[in-house]
PDB file of N, CA and C in Angstrom:
ATOM      1  N   MET A   1    -154.179 -15.521-173.162  1.00  0.00           N
ATOM      2  CA  MET A   1    -153.841 -15.735-171.635  1.00  0.00           C
ATOM      3  C   MET A   1    -154.938 -15.514-170.412  1.00  0.00           C
ATOM      4  N   ASP A   2    -154.937 -16.668-169.724  1.00  0.00           N
ATOM      5  CA  ASP A   2    -155.923 -16.715-168.668  1.00  0.00           C
ATOM      6  C   ASP A   2    -155.367 -16.914-167.255  1.00  0.00           C
ATOM      7  N   SER A   3    -156.107 -16.741-166.232  1.00  0.00           N
ATOM      8  CA  SER A   3    -155.509 -16.774-164.795  1.00  0.00           C
ATOM      9  C   SER A   3    -154.998 -18.473-164.767  1.00  0.00           C
ATOM     10  N   GLU A   4    -155.804 -19.415-165.246  1.00  0.00           N
ATOM     11  CA  GLU A   4    -155.445 -20.931-165.169  1.00  0.00           C
ATOM     12  C   GLU A   4    -153.902 -20.882-165.910  1.00  0.00           C
ATOM     13  N   ARG A   5    -153.675 -20.313-167.212  1.00  0.00           N
ATOM     14  CA  ARG A   5    -152.558 -20.520-167.784  1.00  0.00           C
ATOM     15  C   ARG A   5    -151.356 -20.036-167.056  1.00  0.00           C
ATOM     16  N   ILE A   6    -151.753 -18.859-166.331  1.00  0.00           N
ATOM     17  CA  ILE A   6    -150.499 -18.240-165.814  1.00  0.00           C
ATOM     18  C   ILE A   6    -150.235 -18.929-164.225  1.00  0.00           C
ATOM     19  N   GLN A   7    -151.083 -19.342-163.755  1.00  0.00           N
ATOM     20  CA  GLN A   7    -150.965 -20.428-162.589  1.00  0.00           C
ATOM     21  C   GLN A   7    -150.158 -21.446-162.959  1.00  0.00           C
ATOM     22  N   GLN A   8    -150.558 -22.211-163.989  1.00  0.00           N
ATOM     23  CA  GLN A   8    -149.793 -23.263-164.648  1.00  0.00           C
ATOM     24  C   GLN A   8    -148.345 -23.061-164.603  1.00  0.00           C
ATOM     25  N   LEU A   9    -148.167 -22.011-165.446  1.00  0.00           N
ATOM     26  CA  LEU A   9    -146.716 -21.684-165.492  1.00  0.00           C
ATOM     27  C   LEU A   9    -145.723 -21.330-164.193  1.00  0.00           C
ATOM     28  N   LEU A  10    -146.660 -20.871-163.358  1.00  0.00           N
ATOM     29  CA  LEU A  10    -146.026 -20.306-162.019  1.00  0.00           C
ATOM     30  C   LEU A  10    -145.697 -21.781-161.383  1.00  0.00           C
ATOM     31  N   LEU A  11    -146.705 -22.639-161.380  1.00  0.00           N
ATOM     32  CA  LEU A  11    -146.818 -24.033-160.715  1.00  0.00           C
ATOM     33  C   LEU A  11    -145.184 -24.792-161.478  1.00  0.00           C
ATOM     34  N   ASN A  12    -145.257 -24.685-162.608  1.00  0.00           N
ATOM     35  CA  ASN A  12    -144.213 -25.388-163.209  1.00  0.00           C
ATOM     36  C   ASN A  12    -143.064 -24.825-162.948  1.00  0.00           C
ATOM     37  N   ALA A  13    -142.635 -23.483-162.518  1.00  0.00           N
ATOM     38  CA  ALA A  13    -141.433 -22.977-162.030  1.00  0.00           C
ATOM     39  C   ALA A  13    -141.177 -23.135-160.803  1.00  0.00           C
ATOM     40  N   PHE A  14    -142.111 -23.167-159.990  1.00  0.00           N
ATOM     41  CA  PHE A  14    -141.883 -23.204-158.586  1.00  0.00           C
ATOM     42  C   PHE A  14    -143.362 -24.341-158.013  1.00  0.00           C
ATOM     43  N   PRO A  15    -142.700 -25.777-158.390  1.00  0.00           N
ATOM     44  CA  PRO A  15    -143.689 -26.726-158.314  1.00  0.00           C
ATOM     45  C   PRO A  15    -144.478 -27.090-156.830  1.00  0.00           C
ATOM     46  N   HIS A  16    -143.534 -26.427-155.763  1.00  0.00           N
ATOM     47  CA  HIS A  16    -143.606 -26.651-154.163  1.00  0.00           C
ATOM     48  C   HIS A  16    -144.778 -25.417-153.651  1.00  0.00           C
ATOM     49  N   ALA A  17    -144.770 -24.576-154.695  1.00  0.00           N
ATOM     50  CA  ALA A  17    -145.403 -23.251-153.945  1.00  0.00           C
ATOM     51  C   ALA A  17    -147.052 -23.187-154.015  1.00  0.00           C
ATOM     52  N   GLU A  18    -147.577 -22.337-153.016  1.00  0.00           N
ATOM     53  CA  GLU A  18    -148.670 -22.108-152.784  1.00  0.00           C
ATOM     54  C   GLU A  18    -149.084 -20.924-154.031  1.00  0.00           C
ATOM     55  N   VAL A  19    -149.770 -21.018-155.037  1.00  0.00           N
ATOM     56  CA  VAL A  19    -149.744 -19.981-156.006  1.00  0.00           C
ATOM     57  C   VAL A  19    -151.277 -19.914-156.350  1.00  0.00           C
ATOM     58  N   THR A  20    -151.759 -18.642-156.340  1.00  0.00           N
ATOM     59  CA  THR A  20    -153.158 -17.965-156.700  1.00  0.00           C
ATOM     60  C   THR A  20    -153.068 -17.207-157.730  1.00  0.00           C
ATOM     61  N   VAL A  21    -153.868 -17.220-158.652  1.00  0.00           N
ATOM     62  CA  VAL A  21    -153.574 -16.081-159.788  1.00  0.00           C
ATOM     63  C   VAL A  21    -155.246 -15.554-160.068  1.00  0.00           C
ATOM     64  N   VAL A  22    -155.506 -14.228-160.121  1.00  0.00           N
ATOM     65  CA  VAL A  22    -156.997 -13.989-160.299  1.00  0.00           C
ATOM     66  C   VAL A  22    -157.018 -12.923-161.429  1.00  0.00           C
ATOM     67  N   SER A  23    -157.930 -12.725-161.946  1.00  0.00           N
ATOM     68  CA  SER A  23    -158.374 -11.662-163.254  1.00  0.00           C
ATOM     69  C   SER A  23    -159.521 -11.390-163.328  1.00  0.00           C
ATOM     70  N   ASP A  24    -160.107 -10.151-163.498  1.00  0.00           N
ATOM     71  CA  ASP A  24    -161.498  -9.990-163.933  1.00  0.00           C
ATOM     72  C   ASP A  24    -161.615  -9.656-165.355  1.00  0.00           C
ATOM     73  N   ASP A  25    -160.537  -9.629-166.073  1.00  0.00           N
ATOM     74  CA  ASP A  25    -160.722  -8.957-167.411  1.00  0.00           C
ATOM     75  C   ASP A  25    -160.018 -10.077-168.339  1.00  0.00           C
ATOM     76  N   ASN A  26    -159.053 -10.570-167.785  1.00  0.00           N
ATOM     77  CA  ASN A  26    -158.069 -11.544-168.639  1.00  0.00           C
ATOM     78  C   ASN A  26    -156.942 -10.864-168.953  1.00  0.00           C
ATOM     79  N   VAL A  27    -156.535  -9.800-168.709  1.00  0.00           N
ATOM     80  CA  VAL A  27    -155.891  -8.450-169.137  1.00  0.00           C
ATOM     81  C   VAL A  27    -154.923  -8.017-167.989  1.00  0.00           C
ATOM     82  N   HIS A  28    -155.430  -7.889-166.723  1.00  0.00           N
ATOM     83  CA  HIS A  28    -155.035  -7.377-165.450  1.00  0.00           C
ATOM     84  C   HIS A  28    -154.912  -8.504-164.538  1.00  0.00           C
ATOM     85  N   PHE A  29    -153.658  -8.858-164.163  1.00  0.00           N
ATOM     86  CA  PHE A  29    -153.857  -9.932-163.199  1.00  0.00           C
ATOM     87  C   PHE A  29    -153.161  -9.931-161.925  1.00  0.00           C
ATOM     88  N   SER A  30    -153.739 -10.660-160.873  1.00  0.00           N
ATOM     89  CA  SER A  30    -152.778 -10.094-159.383  1.00  0.00           C
ATOM     90  C   SER A  30    -152.451 -11.887-159.142  1.00  0.00           C
ATOM     91  N   ALA A  31    -151.272 -11.879-158.995  1.00  0.00           N
ATOM     92  CA  ALA A  31    -150.858 -13.327-158.469  1.00  0.00           C
ATOM     93  C   ALA A  31    -149.960 -13.512-157.116  1.00  0.00           C
ATOM     94  N   LYS A  32    -150.396 -14.516-156.240  1.00  0.00           N
ATOM     95  CA  LYS A  32    -149.717 -14.477-154.771  1.00  0.00           C
ATOM     96  C   LYS A  32    -148.961 -16.113-155.059  1.00  0.00           C
ATOM     97  N   VAL A  33    -147.825 -15.979-154.704  1.00  0.00           N
ATOM     98  CA  VAL A  33    -146.801 -17.220-154.714  1.00  0.00           C
ATOM     99  C   VAL A  33    -146.142 -16.913-153.401  1.00  0.00           C
ATOM    100  N   VAL A  34    -146.308 -18.251-152.730  1.00  0.00           N
ATOM    101  CA  VAL A  34    -145.688 -18.389-151.757  1.00  0.00           C
ATOM    102  C   VAL A  34    -144.557 -19.623-152.049  1.00  0.00           C
ATOM    103  N   ASP A  35    -143.305 -19.327-151.530  1.00  0.00           N
ATOM    104  CA  ASP A  35    -142.274 -20.316-152.232  1.00  0.00           C
ATOM    105  C   ASP A  35    -141.173 -20.299-151.176  1.00  0.00           C
ATOM    106  N   ALA A  36    -140.775 -21.402-150.770  1.00  0.00           N
ATOM    107  CA  ALA A  36    -139.390 -21.620-150.027  1.00  0.00           C
ATOM    108  C   ALA A  36    -138.158 -20.820-150.770  1.00  0.00           C
ATOM    109  N   GLY A  37    -138.263 -21.234-152.175  1.00  0.00           N
ATOM    110  CA  GLY A  37    -137.064 -20.902-152.874  1.00  0.00           C
ATOM    111  C   GLY A  37    -137.024 -19.332-152.949  1.00  0.00           C
ATOM    112  N   PHE A  38    -137.948 -18.508-152.432  1.00  0.00           N
ATOM    113  CA  PHE A  38    -137.827 -16.904-152.287  1.00  0.00           C
ATOM    114  C   PHE A  38    -137.217 -16.632-151.128  1.00  0.00           C
ATOM    115  N   ASP A  39    -136.662 -17.507-150.144  1.00  0.00           N
ATOM    116  CA  ASP A  39    -136.316 -17.263-148.792  1.00  0.00           C
ATOM    117  C   ASP A  39    -134.978 -16.689-149.047  1.00  0.00           C
ATOM    118  N   GLY A  40    -134.512 -15.631-148.441  1.00  0.00           N
ATOM    119  CA  GLY A  40    -133.170 -14.839-149.050  1.00  0.00           C
ATOM    120  C   GLY A  40    -133.103 -13.860-150.198  1.00  0.00           C
ATOM    121  N   LEU A  41    -134.044 -13.952-150.917  1.00  0.00           N
ATOM    122  CA  LEU A  41    -133.643 -13.285-152.173  1.00  0.00           C
ATOM    123  C   LEU A  41    -134.376 -11.725-151.772  1.00  0.00           C
ATOM    124  N   SER A  42    -134.048 -10.746-152.919  1.00  0.00           N
ATOM    125  CA  SER A  42    -134.666  -9.628-152.996  1.00  0.00           C
ATOM    126  C   SER A  42    -135.761  -9.376-153.514  1.00  0.00           C
ATOM    127  N   ARG A  43    -136.457  -8.438-153.304  1.00  0.00           N
ATOM    128  CA  ARG A  43    -137.605  -8.361-154.317  1.00  0.00           C
ATOM    129  C   ARG A  43    -137.498  -8.543-155.691  1.00  0.00           C
ATOM    130  N   VAL A  44    -136.437  -7.871-156.148  1.00  0.00           N
ATOM    131  CA  VAL A  44    -136.092  -7.614-157.231  1.00  0.00           C
ATOM    132  C   VAL A  44    -135.931  -9.069-157.944  1.00  0.00           C
ATOM    133  N   ALA A  45    -135.135  -9.775-157.263  1.00  0.00           N
ATOM    134  CA  ALA A  45    -134.639 -11.428-157.742  1.00  0.00           C
ATOM    135  C   ALA A  45    -136.020 -12.050-157.842  1.00  0.00           C
ATOM    136  N   ARG A  46    -136.901 -11.985-156.787  1.00  0.00           N
ATOM    137  CA  ARG A  46    -137.997 -12.722-156.806  1.00  0.00           C
ATOM    138  C   ARG A  46    -139.196 -12.331-158.017  1.00  0.00           C
ATOM    139  N   HIS A  47    -139.270 -10.963-158.564  1.00  0.00           N
ATOM    140  CA  HIS A  47    -139.915 -10.615-159.410  1.00  0.00           C
ATOM    141  C   HIS A  47    -139.027 -11.332-160.789  1.00  0.00           C
ATOM    142  N   ARG A  48    -137.889 -10.966-160.882  1.00  0.00           N
ATOM    143  CA  ARG A  48    -137.314 -11.730-162.077  1.00  0.00           C
ATOM    144  C   ARG A  48    -137.667 -13.062-162.328  1.00  0.00           C
ATOM    145  N   ARG A  49    -137.567 -13.946-160.937  1.00  0.00           N
ATOM    146  CA  ARG A  49    -137.892 -15.256-161.459  1.00  0.00           C
ATOM    147  C   ARG A  49    -139.241 -15.295-161.667  1.00  0.00           C
ATOM    148  N   VAL A  50    -140.210 -14.644-161.466  1.00  0.00           N
ATOM    149  CA  VAL A  50    -141.652 -14.734-161.520  1.00  0.00           C
ATOM    150  C   VAL A  50    -141.775 -14.588-163.230  1.00  0.00           C
ATOM    151  N   HIS A  51    -141.030 -13.420-163.758  1.00  0.00           N
ATOM    152  CA  HIS A  51    -141.262 -13.116-164.885  1.00  0.00           C
ATOM    153  C   HIS A  51    -140.539 -13.836-165.667  1.00  0.00           C
ATOM    154  N   ASP A  52    -139.496 -14.607-165.329  1.00  0.00           N
ATOM    155  CA  ASP A  52    -138.749 -15.514-166.440  1.00  0.00           C
ATOM    156  C   ASP A  52    -139.569 -16.694-166.449  1.00  0.00           C
ATOM    157  N   ALA A  53    -140.441 -17.211-165.576  1.00  0.00           N
ATOM    158  CA  ALA A  53    -141.308 -18.230-165.428  1.00  0.00           C
ATOM    159  C   ALA A  53    -142.703 -17.892-166.597  1.00  0.00           C
ATOM    160  N   ILE A  54    -142.990 -16.737-166.501  1.00  0.00           N
ATOM    161  CA  ILE A  54    -144.163 -16.526-167.195  1.00  0.00           C
ATOM    162  C   ILE A  54    -143.881 -16.259-168.836  1.00  0.00           C
ATOM    163  N   GLY A  55    -142.533 -15.716-169.109  1.00  0.00           N
ATOM    164  CA  GLY A  55    -142.004 -15.338-170.289  1.00  0.00           C
ATOM    165  C   GLY A  55    -142.568 -14.024-170.927  1.00  0.00           C
ATOM    166  N   PRO A  56    -142.647 -14.518-172.412  1.00  0.00           N
ATOM    167  CA  PRO A  56    -142.833 -13.039-173.362  1.00  0.00           C
ATOM    168  C   PRO A  56    -144.139 -12.571-173.298  1.00  0.00           C
ATOM    169  N   ALA A  57    -145.023 -13.324-172.666  1.00  0.00           N
ATOM    170  CA  ALA A  57    -146.598 -12.870-172.556  1.00  0.00           C
ATOM    171  C   ALA A  57    -146.638 -11.698-171.931  1.00  0.00           C
ATOM    172  N   LEU A  58    -145.637 -11.672-170.975  1.00  0.00           N
ATOM    173  CA  LEU A  58    -145.615 -10.348-170.160  1.00  0.00           C
ATOM    174  C   LEU A  58    -145.712  -9.057-171.017  1.00  0.00           C
ATOM    175  N   GLY A  59    -146.084  -8.092-171.044  1.00  0.00           N
ATOM    176  CA  GLY A  59    -146.141  -7.042-171.990  1.00  0.00           C
ATOM    177  C   GLY A  59    -146.958  -7.329-173.101  1.00  0.00           C
ATOM    178  N   ARG A  60    -147.376  -8.286-173.741  1.00  0.00           N
ATOM    179  CA  ARG A  60    -148.142  -8.639-174.829  1.00  0.00           C
ATOM    180  C   ARG A  60    -149.324  -9.018-174.407  1.00  0.00           C
ATOM    181  N   GLU A  61    -149.559 -10.176-173.875  1.00  0.00           N
ATOM    182  CA  GLU A  61    -150.921 -10.994-173.631  1.00  0.00           C
ATOM    183  C   GLU A  61    -151.536 -10.270-172.387  1.00  0.00           C
ATOM    184  N   ILE A  62    -150.421 -10.106-171.169  1.00  0.00           N
ATOM    185  CA  ILE A  62    -150.862  -9.560-169.888  1.00  0.00           C
ATOM    186  C   ILE A  62    -150.410  -8.366-170.098  1.00  0.00           C
ATOM    187  N   HIS A  63    -151.447  -7.359-169.864  1.00  0.00           N
ATOM    188  CA  HIS A  63    -151.344  -5.949-169.958  1.00  0.00           C
ATOM    189  C   HIS A  63    -150.750  -5.661-168.389  1.00  0.00           C
ATOM    190  N   ALA A  64    -150.876  -6.101-167.036  1.00  0.00           N
ATOM    191  CA  ALA A  64    -150.560  -5.729-166.189  1.00  0.00           C
ATOM    192  C   ALA A  64    -150.708  -7.027-164.654  1.00  0.00           C
ATOM    193  N   LEU A  65    -149.668  -7.138-164.280  1.00  0.00           N
ATOM    194  CA  LEU A  65    -149.365  -8.256-162.978  1.00  0.00           C
ATOM    195  C   LEU A  65    -148.955  -7.794-162.086  1.00  0.00           C
ATOM    196  N   THR A  66    -150.121  -7.721-160.880  1.00  0.00           N
ATOM    197  CA  THR A  66    -149.520  -7.486-159.617  1.00  0.00           C
ATOM    198  C   THR A  66    -149.184  -8.624-159.051  1.00  0.00           C
ATOM    199  N   LEU A  67    -147.856  -8.476-158.167  1.00  0.00           N
ATOM    200  CA  LEU A  67    -147.090  -9.765-157.626  1.00  0.00           C
ATOM    201  C   LEU A  67    -147.133  -9.631-156.292  1.00  0.00           C
ATOM    202  N   HIS A  68    -147.488 -10.605-155.438  1.00  0.00           N
ATOM    203  CA  HIS A  68    -147.328 -10.624-153.966  1.00  0.00           C
ATOM    204  C   HIS A  68    -146.652 -11.861-153.695  1.00  0.00           C
ATOM    205  N   LEU A  69    -145.206 -11.836-153.662  1.00  0.00           N
ATOM    206  CA  LEU A  69    -144.179 -13.041-153.346  1.00  0.00           C
ATOM    207  C   LEU A  69    -143.858 -12.805-152.152  1.00  0.00           C
ATOM    208  N   ARG A  70    -143.857 -14.198-151.508  1.00  0.00           N
ATOM    209  CA  ARG A  70    -143.235 -14.374-149.853  1.00  0.00           C
ATOM    210  C   ARG A  70    -142.689 -15.754-149.971  1.00  0.00           C
ATOM    211  N   ALA A  71    -141.683 -15.692-149.080  1.00  0.00           N
ATOM    212  CA  ALA A  71    -141.097 -17.165-148.748  1.00  0.00           C
ATOM    213  C   ALA A  71    -142.182 -17.632-147.210  1.00  0.00           C
ATOM    214  N   PRO A  72    -142.249 -18.743-147.086  1.00  0.00           N
ATOM    215  CA  PRO A  72    -143.188 -19.130-145.773  1.00  0.00           C
ATOM    216  C   PRO A  72    -142.312 -18.830-144.748  1.00  0.00           C
ATOM    217  N   GLY A  73    -143.461 -18.260-143.756  1.00  0.00           N
ATOM    218  CA  GLY A  73    -143.103 -17.499-142.765  1.00  0.00           C
ATOM    219  C   GLY A  73    -142.771 -16.034-142.592  1.00  0.00           C
ATOM    220  N   GLU A  74    -142.686 -15.271-143.722  1.00  0.00           N
ATOM    221  CA  GLU A  74    -142.799 -14.050-143.959  1.00  0.00           C
ATOM    222  C   GLU A  74    -144.117 -13.540-143.627  1.00  0.00           C
ATOM    223  N   VAL A  75    -144.053 -12.258-143.038  1.00  0.00           N
ATOM    224  CA  VAL A  75    -145.435 -11.495-142.515  1.00  0.00           C
ATOM    225  C   VAL A  75    -146.149 -11.284-144.018  1.00  0.00           C
ATOM    226  N   GLY A  76    -147.392 -11.798-143.989  1.00  0.00           N
ATOM    227  CA  GLY A  76    -148.242 -11.934-144.936  1.00  0.00           C
ATOM    228  C   GLY A  76    -148.172 -13.062-145.914  1.00  0.00           C
ATOM    229  N   ALA A  77    -147.541 -14.064-145.584  1.00  0.00           N
ATOM    230  CA  ALA A  77    -147.316 -15.203-146.196  1.00  0.00           C
ATOM    231  C   ALA A  77    -148.432 -15.702-146.704  1.00  0.00           C
ATOM    232  N   GLY A  78    -149.216 -16.037-145.716  1.00  0.00           N
ATOM    233  CA  GLY A  78    -150.473 -16.704-145.266  1.00  0.00           C
ATOM    234  C   GLY A  78    -151.703 -16.259-145.349  1.00  0.00           C
ATOM    235  N   GLY A  79    -151.755 -14.935-145.275  1.00  0.00           N
ATOM    236  CA  GLY A  79    -153.028 -13.979-145.540  1.00  0.00           C
ATOM    237  C   GLY A  79    -152.623 -12.920-146.650  1.00  0.00           C
ATOM    238  N   SER A  80    -153.141 -11.554-146.770  1.00  0.00           N
ATOM    239  CA  SER A  80    -152.902 -10.655-147.620  1.00  0.00           C
ATOM    240  C   SER A  80    -151.640 -10.366-147.419  1.00  0.00           C
ATOM    241  N   ALA A  81    -151.361  -9.714-148.748  1.00  0.00           N
ATOM    242  CA  ALA A  81    -149.636  -9.014-148.993  1.00  0.00           C
ATOM    243  C   ALA A  81    -149.796  -7.483-148.514  1.00  0.00           C
TER     244      ALA A  81
END
């Protein structure tokens, strides 16, 4: 699994989102997703939606995934989380 594949999985699940995925080693990843569908959802609910989008690779091919999940207009949505 690489950053581009994770980014594509997230874009498939969140087609109108701004998605950025980075990794220095293709094992530890950091993803930033800004999507209107996160509006009103708890942090846990947002994480569940992302985990569902990535699927079983979490914990197998992906050792660590740091998530920065925001709805547009939330503090940190356009910059660092």
